[in-house]
């Protein structure tokens, strides 16, 4: 019943929107924009797809809580992909309730800054630097603190 309205639409028409989205859209990206600026869109697209694919393969064989992998798999395309609209973080934000952290709520508020610099007209990559630098710095700091805390909490090997 869900696909019934689309049964009489040619597949080429259905794929046209996805093709345009993947082929030419770019909004508020960070890593993708840097790679695209340096090497072109084709390389950036291949690197993003390869990065997401490699992460999924790595997490598939990694032991641990599979539920903890879900926000990583959902969040990686946002960070590596060509578009990062602020509402996209809604896919990942609920996991901040399951796995308390600072980075996801901070990213939510930082991504709202997108509307400050696109209010009248789009701007280049430079305007995104504070937004993403703070988001990545928060994530890296949180990861380092958790890593350091877990090492401090583990039993020492000394007698």
C-alpha atoms as a PDB file:
ATOM      1  CA  UNK A   1       0.000   0.000   0.000  1.00  0.00           C
ATOM      2  CA  UNK A   2       2.878   2.375   0.713  1.00  0.00           C
ATOM      3  CA  UNK A   3       4.421   2.047  -2.742  1.00  0.00           C
ATOM      4  CA  UNK A   4       1.123   1.768  -4.663  1.00  0.00           C
ATOM      5  CA  UNK A   5       1.038   5.485  -5.619  1.00  0.00           C
ATOM      6  CA  UNK A   6       4.441   5.105  -7.274  1.00  0.00           C
ATOM      7  CA  UNK A   7       3.787   1.947  -9.289  1.00  0.00           C
ATOM      8  CA  UNK A   8       2.825   3.837 -12.460  1.00  0.00           C
ATOM      9  CA  UNK A   9       5.792   6.260 -12.277  1.00  0.00           C
ATOM     10  CA  UNK A  10       8.797   5.351 -14.429  1.00  0.00           C
ATOM     11  CA  UNK A  11      11.837   4.283 -12.407  1.00  0.00           C
ATOM     12  CA  UNK A  12      13.930   6.932 -14.162  1.00  0.00           C
ATOM     13  CA  UNK A  13      11.661   9.645 -12.740  1.00  0.00           C
ATOM     14  CA  UNK A  14      11.922   8.209  -9.235  1.00  0.00           C
ATOM     15  CA  UNK A  15      15.721   8.034  -9.511  1.00  0.00           C
ATOM     16  CA  UNK A  16      16.057  11.558 -10.942  1.00  0.00           C
ATOM     17  CA  UNK A  17      15.554  13.224  -7.565  1.00  0.00           C
ATOM     18  CA  UNK A  18      18.059  10.966  -5.854  1.00  0.00           C
ATOM     19  CA  UNK A  19      20.517  11.486  -8.700  1.00  0.00           C
ATOM     20  CA  UNK A  20      20.242  15.266  -8.416  1.00  0.00           C
ATOM     21  CA  UNK A  21      20.574  15.093  -4.638  1.00  0.00           C
ATOM     22  CA  UNK A  22      23.671  12.897  -4.781  1.00  0.00           C
ATOM     23  CA  UNK A  23      25.140  14.531  -7.865  1.00  0.00           C
ATOM     24  CA  UNK A  24      24.886  18.238  -7.186  1.00  0.00           C
ATOM     25  CA  UNK A  25      23.472  19.150  -3.780  1.00  0.00           C
ATOM     26  CA  UNK A  26      25.797  20.477  -1.139  1.00  0.00           C
ATOM     27  CA  UNK A  27      24.734  22.241   2.012  1.00  0.00           C
ATOM     28  CA  UNK A  28      26.548  22.745   5.289  1.00  0.00           C
ATOM     29  CA  UNK A  29      28.952  19.864   4.765  1.00  0.00           C
ATOM     30  CA  UNK A  30      32.303  19.830   6.509  1.00  0.00           C
ATOM     31  CA  UNK A  31      34.641  16.986   5.546  1.00  0.00           C
ATOM     32  CA  UNK A  32      32.894  16.529   2.199  1.00  0.00           C
ATOM     33  CA  UNK A  33      33.340  20.223   1.356  1.00  0.00           C
ATOM     34  CA  UNK A  34      37.036  20.101   2.231  1.00  0.00           C
ATOM     35  CA  UNK A  35      37.645  17.009   0.089  1.00  0.00           C
ATOM     36  CA  UNK A  36      35.519  18.407  -2.738  1.00  0.00           C
ATOM     37  CA  UNK A  37      37.458  21.679  -2.702  1.00  0.00           C
ATOM     38  CA  UNK A  38      40.766  19.834  -2.841  1.00  0.00           C
ATOM     39  CA  UNK A  39      39.966  16.926  -5.194  1.00  0.00           C
ATOM     40  CA  UNK A  40      36.564  17.452  -6.821  1.00  0.00           C
ATOM     41  CA  UNK A  41      33.084  16.087  -6.264  1.00  0.00           C
ATOM     42  CA  UNK A  42      33.714  12.610  -7.641  1.00  0.00           C
ATOM     43  CA  UNK A  43      36.571  11.952  -5.231  1.00  0.00           C
ATOM     44  CA  UNK A  44      34.615  13.468  -2.329  1.00  0.00           C
ATOM     45  CA  UNK A  45      31.580  11.283  -3.095  1.00  0.00           C
ATOM     46  CA  UNK A  46      33.725   8.152  -3.391  1.00  0.00           C
ATOM     47  CA  UNK A  47      35.579   8.986  -0.162  1.00  0.00           C
ATOM     48  CA  UNK A  48      32.301   9.566   1.717  1.00  0.00           C
ATOM     49  CA  UNK A  49      30.762   6.323   0.461  1.00  0.00           C
ATOM     50  CA  UNK A  50      33.988   4.432   1.131  1.00  0.00           C
ATOM     51  CA  UNK A  51      34.262   5.878   4.629  1.00  0.00           C
ATOM     52  CA  UNK A  52      30.706   4.912   5.552  1.00  0.00           C
ATOM     53  CA  UNK A  53      31.150   1.455   4.013  1.00  0.00           C
ATOM     54  CA  UNK A  54      34.449   0.852   5.809  1.00  0.00           C
ATOM     55  CA  UNK A  55      32.941   1.916   9.121  1.00  0.00           C
ATOM     56  CA  UNK A  56      29.969  -0.426   8.693  1.00  0.00           C
ATOM     57  CA  UNK A  57      32.289  -3.347   7.848  1.00  0.00           C
ATOM     58  CA  UNK A  58      34.542  -2.556  10.819  1.00  0.00           C
ATOM     59  CA  UNK A  59      31.617  -2.277  13.243  1.00  0.00           C
ATOM     60  CA  UNK A  60      30.120  -5.506  11.883  1.00  0.00           C
ATOM     61  CA  UNK A  61      33.147  -7.470  13.046  1.00  0.00           C
ATOM     62  CA  UNK A  62      33.768  -5.492  16.210  1.00  0.00           C
ATOM     63  CA  UNK A  63      32.494  -6.880  19.477  1.00  0.00           C
ATOM     64  CA  UNK A  64      30.377  -4.782  21.735  1.00  0.00           C
ATOM     65  CA  UNK A  65      26.899  -3.446  22.165  1.00  0.00           C
ATOM     66  CA  UNK A  66      25.284  -3.370  18.730  1.00  0.00           C
ATOM     67  CA  UNK A  67      22.900  -0.652  19.911  1.00  0.00           C
ATOM     68  CA  UNK A  68      25.920   1.581  20.573  1.00  0.00           C
ATOM     69  CA  UNK A  69      26.911   1.192  16.907  1.00  0.00           C
ATOM     70  CA  UNK A  70      23.589   2.508  15.574  1.00  0.00           C
ATOM     71  CA  UNK A  71      24.189   6.226  16.302  1.00  0.00           C
ATOM     72  CA  UNK A  72      27.678   5.899  14.827  1.00  0.00           C
ATOM     73  CA  UNK A  73      26.336   4.370  11.614  1.00  0.00           C
ATOM     74  CA  UNK A  74      23.567   6.996  11.403  1.00  0.00           C
ATOM     75  CA  UNK A  75      25.868   9.902  12.248  1.00  0.00           C
ATOM     76  CA  UNK A  76      28.777   9.091   9.949  1.00  0.00           C
ATOM     77  CA  UNK A  77      26.926   9.832   6.680  1.00  0.00           C
ATOM     78  CA  UNK A  78      25.928  13.186   8.190  1.00  0.00           C
ATOM     79  CA  UNK A  79      29.526  14.081   8.943  1.00  0.00           C
ATOM     80  CA  UNK A  80      30.965  12.694   5.688  1.00  0.00           C
ATOM     81  CA  UNK A  81      28.077  13.458   3.325  1.00  0.00           C
ATOM     82  CA  UNK A  82      27.373  16.442   1.080  1.00  0.00           C
ATOM     83  CA  UNK A  83      24.386  17.756   3.036  1.00  0.00           C
ATOM     84  CA  UNK A  84      23.925  18.319   6.752  1.00  0.00           C
ATOM     85  CA  UNK A  85      20.665  20.118   7.321  1.00  0.00           C
ATOM     86  CA  UNK A  86      20.144  20.847  11.021  1.00  0.00           C
ATOM     87  CA  UNK A  87      17.097  18.588  11.300  1.00  0.00           C
ATOM     88  CA  UNK A  88      19.160  15.584  10.133  1.00  0.00           C
ATOM     89  CA  UNK A  89      20.626  15.355  13.629  1.00  0.00           C
ATOM     90  CA  UNK A  90      17.157  14.316  14.823  1.00  0.00           C
ATOM     91  CA  UNK A  91      17.983  10.829  13.535  1.00  0.00           C
ATOM     92  CA  UNK A  92      20.853  10.538  15.999  1.00  0.00           C
ATOM     93  CA  UNK A  93      19.800  12.760  18.906  1.00  0.00           C
ATOM     94  CA  UNK A  94      17.508  10.189  20.597  1.00  0.00           C
ATOM     95  CA  UNK A  95      20.588   8.072  21.255  1.00  0.00           C
ATOM     96  CA  UNK A  96      21.883  10.815  23.565  1.00  0.00           C
ATOM     97  CA  UNK A  97      19.148   9.642  25.949  1.00  0.00           C
ATOM     98  CA  UNK A  98      20.359   6.044  25.790  1.00  0.00           C
ATOM     99  CA  UNK A  99      24.071   6.864  25.797  1.00  0.00           C
ATOM    100  CA  UNK A 100      24.405  10.153  27.699  1.00  0.00           C
ATOM    101  CA  UNK A 101      26.934  12.485  26.108  1.00  0.00           C
ATOM    102  CA  UNK A 102      27.639  16.129  25.518  1.00  0.00           C
ATOM    103  CA  UNK A 103      28.501  16.023  21.822  1.00  0.00           C
ATOM    104  CA  UNK A 104      25.051  15.291  20.357  1.00  0.00           C
ATOM    105  CA  UNK A 105      23.175  18.050  22.221  1.00  0.00           C
ATOM    106  CA  UNK A 106      26.054  20.467  21.506  1.00  0.00           C
ATOM    107  CA  UNK A 107      25.958  19.539  17.807  1.00  0.00           C
ATOM    108  CA  UNK A 108      22.217  20.181  17.766  1.00  0.00           C
ATOM    109  CA  UNK A 109      22.670  23.754  18.948  1.00  0.00           C
ATOM    110  CA  UNK A 110      25.760  24.381  16.821  1.00  0.00           C
ATOM    111  CA  UNK A 111      23.936  23.215  13.695  1.00  0.00           C
ATOM    112  CA  UNK A 112      21.271  25.823  14.320  1.00  0.00           C
ATOM    113  CA  UNK A 113      23.952  28.413  13.529  1.00  0.00           C
ATOM    114  CA  UNK A 114      23.525  27.305   9.909  1.00  0.00           C
ATOM    115  CA  UNK A 115      20.494  29.555   9.699  1.00  0.00           C
ATOM    116  CA  UNK A 116      22.457  32.543  10.948  1.00  0.00           C
ATOM    117  CA  UNK A 117      24.805  32.583   8.007  1.00  0.00           C
ATOM    118  CA  UNK A 118      22.350  31.406   5.352  1.00  0.00           C
ATOM    119  CA  UNK A 119      19.573  33.809   6.292  1.00  0.00           C
ATOM    120  CA  UNK A 120      19.971  35.979   3.213  1.00  0.00           C
ATOM    121  CA  UNK A 121      22.358  34.114   0.951  1.00  0.00           C
ATOM    122  CA  UNK A 122      24.601  31.045   1.027  1.00  0.00           C
ATOM    123  CA  UNK A 123      28.177  31.541   2.112  1.00  0.00           C
ATOM    124  CA  UNK A 124      31.297  29.533   1.562  1.00  0.00           C
ATOM    125  CA  UNK A 125      33.161  26.989   3.579  1.00  0.00           C
ATOM    126  CA  UNK A 126      34.834  29.597   5.797  1.00  0.00           C
ATOM    127  CA  UNK A 127      31.614  30.400   7.651  1.00  0.00           C
ATOM    128  CA  UNK A 128      31.259  26.745   8.625  1.00  0.00           C
ATOM    129  CA  UNK A 129      34.612  26.582  10.402  1.00  0.00           C
ATOM    130  CA  UNK A 130      33.406  27.767  13.854  1.00  0.00           C
ATOM    131  CA  UNK A 131      30.321  25.533  13.697  1.00  0.00           C
ATOM    132  CA  UNK A 132      32.162  22.334  12.846  1.00  0.00           C
ATOM    133  CA  UNK A 133      35.382  23.123  14.730  1.00  0.00           C
ATOM    134  CA  UNK A 134      33.383  23.403  17.956  1.00  0.00           C
ATOM    135  CA  UNK A 135      31.363  20.273  17.156  1.00  0.00           C
ATOM    136  CA  UNK A 136      34.467  18.190  16.380  1.00  0.00           C
ATOM    137  CA  UNK A 137      36.401  19.631  19.330  1.00  0.00           C
ATOM    138  CA  UNK A 138      33.535  18.694  21.668  1.00  0.00           C
ATOM    139  CA  UNK A 139      33.416  15.162  20.285  1.00  0.00           C
ATOM    140  CA  UNK A 140      37.178  14.661  20.467  1.00  0.00           C
ATOM    141  CA  UNK A 141      37.387  16.110  23.986  1.00  0.00           C
ATOM    142  CA  UNK A 142      34.540  13.909  25.170  1.00  0.00           C
ATOM    143  CA  UNK A 143      36.152  10.820  23.615  1.00  0.00           C
ATOM    144  CA  UNK A 144      39.534  11.628  25.217  1.00  0.00           C
ATOM    145  CA  UNK A 145      37.957  12.236  28.636  1.00  0.00           C
ATOM    146  CA  UNK A 146      36.017   8.961  28.476  1.00  0.00           C
ATOM    147  CA  UNK A 147      39.120   7.099  27.378  1.00  0.00           C
ATOM    148  CA  UNK A 148      41.222   8.655  30.137  1.00  0.00           C
ATOM    149  CA  UNK A 149      38.503   7.967  32.727  1.00  0.00           C
ATOM    150  CA  UNK A 150      38.209   4.316  31.706  1.00  0.00           C
ATOM    151  CA  UNK A 151      41.971   3.874  32.010  1.00  0.00           C
ATOM    152  CA  UNK A 152      41.933   5.466  35.467  1.00  0.00           C
ATOM    153  CA  UNK A 153      39.079   3.190  36.557  1.00  0.00           C
ATOM    154  CA  UNK A 154      40.686  -0.030  35.292  1.00  0.00           C
ATOM    155  CA  UNK A 155      42.812  -2.035  37.739  1.00  0.00           C
ATOM    156  CA  UNK A 156      46.501  -1.279  37.465  1.00  0.00           C
ATOM    157  CA  UNK A 157      49.057  -3.872  36.490  1.00  0.00           C
ATOM    158  CA  UNK A 158      51.518  -2.795  39.162  1.00  0.00           C
ATOM    159  CA  UNK A 159      51.728  -4.841  42.412  1.00  0.00           C
END
